[in-house]
Amino acid sequence: MILGRQIAAARALVGIGQKELAEQANISIPTLKRMEASDGHATGLANNVAAVRAALEAAGITFLDNGEVSPGPGVALR
């Protein structure tokens, strides 16, 4: 499971807008906006969340679980 904040942060890291990510994940912009605005885990249909995750991972993002560390430069929220 990924957090809405992780999606927004990942999108910012790869430098793409909501429109571009929504197109890459084949979802609507309002659906992506709701995911990013989620308090906690990204809300929405599991296949839509998976599509967003896959699009971001294809762009070079690695999602970390609580306690995992990056093998290289990165950012984290305490």
N, C-alpha and C. Protein backbone atom coordinates (compact mmCIF):
# COMPACT_ATOMS: atom_id res chain seq x y z
N MET A 1 0.84 -1.19 0.00
CA MET A 1 0.00 0.00 0.00
C MET A 1 0.88 1.25 0.00
N ILE A 2 0.50 2.23 -0.75
CA ILE A 2 1.25 3.50 -0.75
C ILE A 2 0.35 4.61 -0.26
N LEU A 3 0.98 5.63 0.26
CA LEU A 3 0.26 6.79 0.79
C LEU A 3 0.02 7.81 -0.31
N GLY A 4 -1.04 8.59 -0.14
CA GLY A 4 -1.31 9.67 -1.09
C GLY A 4 -0.14 10.65 -1.16
N ARG A 5 0.46 10.92 0.00
CA ARG A 5 1.61 11.84 0.04
C ARG A 5 2.81 11.27 -0.72
N GLN A 6 2.97 9.95 -0.70
CA GLN A 6 4.06 9.33 -1.44
C GLN A 6 3.87 9.53 -2.95
N ILE A 7 2.64 9.43 -3.40
CA ILE A 7 2.36 9.63 -4.83
C ILE A 7 2.71 11.05 -5.23
N ALA A 8 2.25 12.02 -4.45
CA ALA A 8 2.53 13.42 -4.76
C ALA A 8 4.03 13.70 -4.73
N ALA A 9 4.71 13.16 -3.72
CA ALA A 9 6.16 13.38 -3.60
C ALA A 9 6.91 12.72 -4.75
N ALA A 10 6.52 11.50 -5.09
CA ALA A 10 7.18 10.79 -6.18
C ALA A 10 6.99 11.53 -7.50
N ARG A 11 5.80 12.02 -7.72
CA ARG A 11 5.51 12.79 -8.93
C ARG A 11 6.39 14.02 -9.00
N ALA A 12 6.55 14.69 -7.88
CA ALA A 12 7.41 15.88 -7.84
C ALA A 12 8.87 15.51 -8.10
N LEU A 13 9.32 14.38 -7.55
CA LEU A 13 10.71 13.96 -7.74
C LEU A 13 11.04 13.69 -9.21
N VAL A 14 10.10 13.11 -9.93
CA VAL A 14 10.37 12.83 -11.35
C VAL A 14 10.00 14.00 -12.25
N GLY A 15 9.39 15.04 -11.66
CA GLY A 15 9.12 16.26 -12.40
C GLY A 15 7.99 16.17 -13.41
N ILE A 16 6.93 15.44 -13.07
CA ILE A 16 5.79 15.38 -13.98
C ILE A 16 4.55 15.94 -13.29
N GLY A 17 3.64 16.45 -14.08
CA GLY A 17 2.40 17.01 -13.56
C GLY A 17 1.34 15.93 -13.39
N GLN A 18 0.25 16.32 -12.75
CA GLN A 18 -0.84 15.38 -12.54
C GLN A 18 -1.42 14.89 -13.86
N LYS A 19 -1.54 15.78 -14.83
CA LYS A 19 -2.10 15.40 -16.12
C LYS A 19 -1.27 14.30 -16.77
N GLU A 20 0.05 14.48 -16.77
CA GLU A 20 0.93 13.50 -17.39
C GLU A 20 0.88 12.15 -16.68
N LEU A 21 0.91 12.17 -15.35
CA LEU A 21 0.86 10.91 -14.61
C LEU A 21 -0.48 10.22 -14.81
N ALA A 22 -1.56 10.98 -14.78
CA ALA A 22 -2.88 10.39 -15.01
C ALA A 22 -2.95 9.73 -16.38
N GLU A 23 -2.40 10.38 -17.38
CA GLU A 23 -2.38 9.79 -18.73
C GLU A 23 -1.55 8.51 -18.75
N GLN A 24 -0.39 8.54 -18.12
CA GLN A 24 0.49 7.36 -18.10
C GLN A 24 -0.17 6.18 -17.37
N ALA A 25 -0.96 6.48 -16.33
CA ALA A 25 -1.62 5.44 -15.56
C ALA A 25 -3.01 5.10 -16.12
N ASN A 26 -3.43 5.84 -17.13
CA ASN A 26 -4.73 5.64 -17.76
C ASN A 26 -5.89 5.81 -16.76
N ILE A 27 -5.78 6.88 -15.96
CA ILE A 27 -6.85 7.23 -15.02
C ILE A 27 -7.19 8.70 -15.23
N SER A 28 -8.27 9.16 -14.62
CA SER A 28 -8.65 10.56 -14.75
C SER A 28 -7.84 11.43 -13.79
N ILE A 29 -7.73 12.70 -14.13
CA ILE A 29 -7.03 13.65 -13.26
C ILE A 29 -7.73 13.75 -11.90
N PRO A 30 -9.09 13.85 -11.86
CA PRO A 30 -9.74 13.90 -10.55
C PRO A 30 -9.46 12.67 -9.68
N THR A 31 -9.34 11.49 -10.31
CA THR A 31 -9.01 10.28 -9.55
C THR A 31 -7.63 10.41 -8.93
N LEU A 32 -6.67 10.89 -9.71
CA LEU A 32 -5.31 11.09 -9.19
C LEU A 32 -5.31 12.13 -8.08
N LYS A 33 -6.04 13.21 -8.26
CA LYS A 33 -6.11 14.25 -7.23
C LYS A 33 -6.66 13.69 -5.93
N ARG A 34 -7.68 12.83 -6.01
CA ARG A 34 -8.24 12.22 -4.80
C ARG A 34 -7.21 11.31 -4.13
N MET A 35 -6.47 10.56 -4.94
CA MET A 35 -5.42 9.69 -4.37
C MET A 35 -4.40 10.52 -3.61
N GLU A 36 -3.90 11.57 -4.26
CA GLU A 36 -2.87 12.40 -3.63
C GLU A 36 -3.38 13.12 -2.39
N ALA A 37 -4.67 13.42 -2.35
CA ALA A 37 -5.25 14.14 -1.21
C ALA A 37 -5.63 13.20 -0.07
N SER A 38 -5.48 11.90 -0.29
CA SER A 38 -5.84 10.92 0.74
C SER A 38 -5.05 11.15 2.01
N ASP A 39 -5.74 11.02 3.12
CA ASP A 39 -5.09 11.09 4.42
C ASP A 39 -4.71 9.66 4.78
N GLY A 40 -3.47 9.29 4.59
CA GLY A 40 -3.04 7.91 4.79
C GLY A 40 -2.93 7.19 3.46
N HIS A 41 -3.33 5.93 3.44
CA HIS A 41 -3.21 5.12 2.23
C HIS A 41 -4.01 5.76 1.08
N ALA A 42 -3.45 5.66 -0.11
CA ALA A 42 -4.11 6.22 -1.30
C ALA A 42 -5.45 5.54 -1.50
N THR A 43 -6.49 6.35 -1.62
CA THR A 43 -7.82 5.80 -1.82
C THR A 43 -8.08 5.61 -3.30
N GLY A 44 -9.00 4.73 -3.58
CA GLY A 44 -9.37 4.46 -4.96
C GLY A 44 -9.37 2.97 -5.22
N LEU A 45 -9.76 2.62 -6.43
CA LEU A 45 -9.76 1.22 -6.82
C LEU A 45 -8.33 0.69 -6.83
N ALA A 46 -8.17 -0.52 -6.36
CA ALA A 46 -6.83 -1.11 -6.24
C ALA A 46 -6.09 -1.10 -7.57
N ASN A 47 -6.81 -1.35 -8.67
CA ASN A 47 -6.13 -1.38 -9.97
C ASN A 47 -5.67 0.01 -10.38
N ASN A 48 -6.38 1.06 -9.99
CA ASN A 48 -5.94 2.43 -10.30
C ASN A 48 -4.72 2.82 -9.49
N VAL A 49 -4.71 2.47 -8.21
CA VAL A 49 -3.54 2.75 -7.37
C VAL A 49 -2.33 1.98 -7.91
N ALA A 50 -2.54 0.74 -8.31
CA ALA A 50 -1.46 -0.07 -8.86
C ALA A 50 -0.93 0.53 -10.16
N ALA A 51 -1.83 1.07 -10.99
CA ALA A 51 -1.41 1.68 -12.26
C ALA A 51 -0.56 2.92 -12.01
N VAL A 52 -0.93 3.72 -11.01
CA VAL A 52 -0.15 4.92 -10.67
C VAL A 52 1.21 4.50 -10.14
N ARG A 53 1.22 3.52 -9.27
CA ARG A 53 2.48 3.02 -8.73
C ARG A 53 3.39 2.52 -9.85
N ALA A 54 2.83 1.73 -10.77
CA ALA A 54 3.62 1.17 -11.87
C ALA A 54 4.18 2.28 -12.77
N ALA A 55 3.38 3.31 -13.02
CA ALA A 55 3.85 4.43 -13.86
C ALA A 55 5.01 5.15 -13.19
N LEU A 56 4.90 5.37 -11.89
CA LEU A 56 5.97 6.06 -11.17
C LEU A 56 7.22 5.18 -11.06
N GLU A 57 7.04 3.90 -10.85
CA GLU A 57 8.20 3.00 -10.79
C GLU A 57 8.89 2.92 -12.15
N ALA A 58 8.12 2.96 -13.22
CA ALA A 58 8.70 2.97 -14.57
C ALA A 58 9.53 4.23 -14.80
N ALA A 59 9.16 5.31 -14.08
CA ALA A 59 9.89 6.58 -14.20
C ALA A 59 11.12 6.62 -13.29
N GLY A 60 11.35 5.55 -12.50
CA GLY A 60 12.53 5.49 -11.66
C GLY A 60 12.30 5.58 -10.16
N ILE A 61 11.06 5.66 -9.74
CA ILE A 61 10.75 5.77 -8.31
C ILE A 61 10.79 4.39 -7.65
N THR A 62 11.32 4.34 -6.44
CA THR A 62 11.25 3.16 -5.59
C THR A 62 10.49 3.56 -4.34
N PHE A 63 9.38 2.92 -4.08
CA PHE A 63 8.60 3.21 -2.88
C PHE A 63 9.18 2.43 -1.70
N LEU A 64 9.38 3.10 -0.59
CA LEU A 64 9.94 2.48 0.61
C LEU A 64 8.86 2.32 1.66
N ASP A 65 8.89 1.18 2.34
CA ASP A 65 8.00 0.95 3.48
C ASP A 65 8.61 1.58 4.71
N ASN A 66 7.82 1.73 5.74
CA ASN A 66 8.27 2.30 6.99
C ASN A 66 9.51 1.55 7.49
N GLY A 67 10.59 2.26 7.73
CA GLY A 67 11.82 1.66 8.24
C GLY A 67 12.83 1.30 7.18
N GLU A 68 12.42 1.25 5.91
CA GLU A 68 13.37 0.95 4.84
C GLU A 68 14.20 2.19 4.54
N VAL A 69 15.38 1.97 4.01
CA VAL A 69 16.26 3.08 3.66
C VAL A 69 16.62 3.00 2.19
N SER A 70 16.97 4.12 1.65
CA SER A 70 17.34 4.21 0.24
C SER A 70 18.77 3.75 0.04
N PRO A 71 19.05 3.05 -1.06
CA PRO A 71 20.43 2.65 -1.33
C PRO A 71 21.28 3.79 -1.87
N GLY A 72 20.66 4.91 -2.13
CA GLY A 72 21.38 6.07 -2.66
C GLY A 72 20.76 7.34 -2.14
N PRO A 73 21.04 8.45 -2.78
CA PRO A 73 20.47 9.72 -2.34
C PRO A 73 18.94 9.67 -2.34
N GLY A 74 18.35 10.36 -1.44
CA GLY A 74 16.88 10.37 -1.37
C GLY A 74 16.39 11.28 -0.28
N VAL A 75 15.10 11.26 -0.09
CA VAL A 75 14.48 12.03 1.00
C VAL A 75 13.55 11.11 1.76
N ALA A 76 13.28 11.46 3.00
CA ALA A 76 12.37 10.66 3.82
C ALA A 76 11.66 11.59 4.79
N LEU A 77 10.51 11.15 5.24
CA LEU A 77 9.73 11.89 6.23
C LEU A 77 9.82 11.15 7.55
N ARG A 78 10.21 11.88 8.59
CA ARG A 78 10.30 11.25 9.92
C ARG A 78 8.94 11.01 10.49
